[in-house]
């Protein structure tokens, strides 16, 4: 009962803020929290959690009421490097960070 999402164009630091809150929660509580969370990237976690629930119901014949989030890992992935031109022929780096999400559900 797993779901992965790779190469998300958002910083892992921003995703971990919400991930720490929902880690270990019941599936329905986490979905309700993510639906009304004030962060724009809560939508991403909502989608991957819904996908993991669908995987559990279709592939493993599990009931969604008995599931909880056992692991939610957010890893750093590729960093795209861009440059911003500034005065005197110099440049400042711009780091566009990406993330990977691994979510696992287990039965209580």
Protein backbone atom coordinates (compact mmCIF):
# COMPACT_ATOMS: atom_id res chain seq x y z
CA UNK A 1 0.00 0.00 0.00
CA UNK A 2 2.42 2.56 -1.30
CA UNK A 3 2.39 5.62 -3.49
CA UNK A 4 5.30 7.55 -4.97
CA UNK A 5 5.58 10.92 -6.61
CA UNK A 6 8.93 11.84 -8.09
CA UNK A 7 10.47 15.07 -9.31
CA UNK A 8 7.93 17.49 -7.83
CA UNK A 9 8.93 21.06 -8.54
CA UNK A 10 8.71 22.28 -4.96
CA UNK A 11 11.27 22.49 -2.18
CA UNK A 12 11.37 19.57 0.27
CA UNK A 13 11.59 22.03 3.16
CA UNK A 14 8.14 23.39 2.29
CA UNK A 15 6.60 19.92 1.96
CA UNK A 16 8.00 18.69 5.28
CA UNK A 17 6.05 21.34 7.21
CA UNK A 18 2.74 19.63 6.43
CA UNK A 19 4.18 16.11 6.29
CA UNK A 20 5.17 16.29 9.95
CA UNK A 21 1.59 17.10 10.93
CA UNK A 22 -0.13 14.23 9.10
CA UNK A 23 2.49 11.53 9.70
CA UNK A 24 0.96 8.72 11.80
CA UNK A 25 -2.62 9.95 11.49
CA UNK A 26 -5.72 8.10 10.41
CA UNK A 27 -6.33 8.36 6.66
CA UNK A 28 -9.63 10.27 6.94
CA UNK A 29 -8.27 12.75 9.46
CA UNK A 30 -5.28 13.43 7.22
CA UNK A 31 -7.48 13.92 4.14
CA UNK A 32 -9.71 16.37 5.97
CA UNK A 33 -6.72 18.30 7.25
CA UNK A 34 -5.09 18.47 3.81
CA UNK A 35 -8.29 19.59 2.13
CA UNK A 36 -8.52 22.72 4.28
CA UNK A 37 -4.83 23.37 5.02
CA UNK A 38 -3.76 26.94 4.22
CA UNK A 39 -0.63 25.84 2.30
CA UNK A 40 -0.83 25.56 -1.48
CA UNK A 41 1.29 22.38 -1.59
CA UNK A 42 -1.16 20.55 0.69
CA UNK A 43 -3.00 19.73 -2.55
CA UNK A 44 -0.02 17.64 -3.67
CA UNK A 45 -0.04 15.60 -0.48
CA UNK A 46 -3.84 15.23 -0.75
CA UNK A 47 -3.48 13.73 -4.24
CA UNK A 48 -0.79 11.25 -3.27
CA UNK A 49 -2.72 10.19 -0.17
CA UNK A 50 -5.86 9.62 -2.25
CA UNK A 51 -3.77 7.58 -4.68
CA UNK A 52 -2.37 5.42 -1.86
CA UNK A 53 -5.91 4.81 -0.54
CA UNK A 54 -7.07 3.77 -4.01
CA UNK A 55 -4.08 1.43 -4.32
CA UNK A 56 -4.93 -0.16 -0.97
CA UNK A 57 -8.59 -0.65 -1.85
CA UNK A 58 -8.06 -1.98 -5.39
CA UNK A 59 -4.83 -3.97 -5.09
CA UNK A 60 -4.93 -5.25 -1.49
CA UNK A 61 -8.70 -5.30 -0.78
CA UNK A 62 -8.31 -3.15 2.34
CA UNK A 63 -10.95 -0.93 3.92
CA UNK A 64 -10.00 2.74 4.06
CA UNK A 65 -11.38 3.05 7.60
CA UNK A 66 -8.66 0.79 9.01
CA UNK A 67 -5.68 2.51 7.37
CA UNK A 68 -3.21 4.98 8.80
CA UNK A 69 -0.09 6.70 7.45
CA UNK A 70 2.86 4.61 8.58
CA UNK A 71 5.65 6.37 6.68
CA UNK A 72 5.75 9.64 4.81
CA UNK A 73 9.22 10.41 3.50
CA UNK A 74 10.12 13.54 1.58
CA UNK A 75 13.53 13.47 -0.04
CA UNK A 76 15.58 16.03 -1.90
CA UNK A 77 15.95 15.33 -5.60
CA UNK A 78 17.51 17.21 -8.53
CA UNK A 79 18.43 20.87 -8.05
CA UNK A 80 18.12 22.91 -11.23
CA UNK A 81 20.75 25.64 -11.31
CA UNK A 82 19.98 28.94 -12.98
CA UNK A 83 21.79 32.27 -12.92
CA UNK A 84 20.59 35.82 -12.38
CA UNK A 85 22.71 38.47 -14.07
CA UNK A 86 23.71 41.41 -11.86
CA UNK A 87 25.93 44.43 -12.27
CA UNK A 88 29.63 44.44 -13.21
CA UNK A 89 29.38 41.22 -15.25
CA UNK A 90 28.61 39.04 -12.26
CA UNK A 91 25.81 36.61 -11.54
CA UNK A 92 23.95 35.16 -8.57
CA UNK A 93 22.85 31.53 -8.48
CA UNK A 94 19.18 30.52 -8.36
CA UNK A 95 18.57 27.00 -7.05
CA UNK A 96 15.27 25.44 -8.13
CA UNK A 97 14.82 22.47 -5.83
CA UNK A 98 12.72 19.37 -6.48
CA UNK A 99 11.37 16.63 -4.20
CA UNK A 100 10.36 12.99 -4.07
CA UNK A 101 7.49 11.73 -1.90
CA UNK A 102 7.13 8.18 -0.63
CA UNK A 103 3.93 7.37 1.27
CA UNK A 104 3.07 4.03 2.87
CA UNK A 105 -0.18 3.00 4.55
CA UNK A 106 -0.70 0.19 7.03
CA UNK A 107 -3.65 -1.43 8.74
CA UNK A 108 -4.24 -0.66 12.41
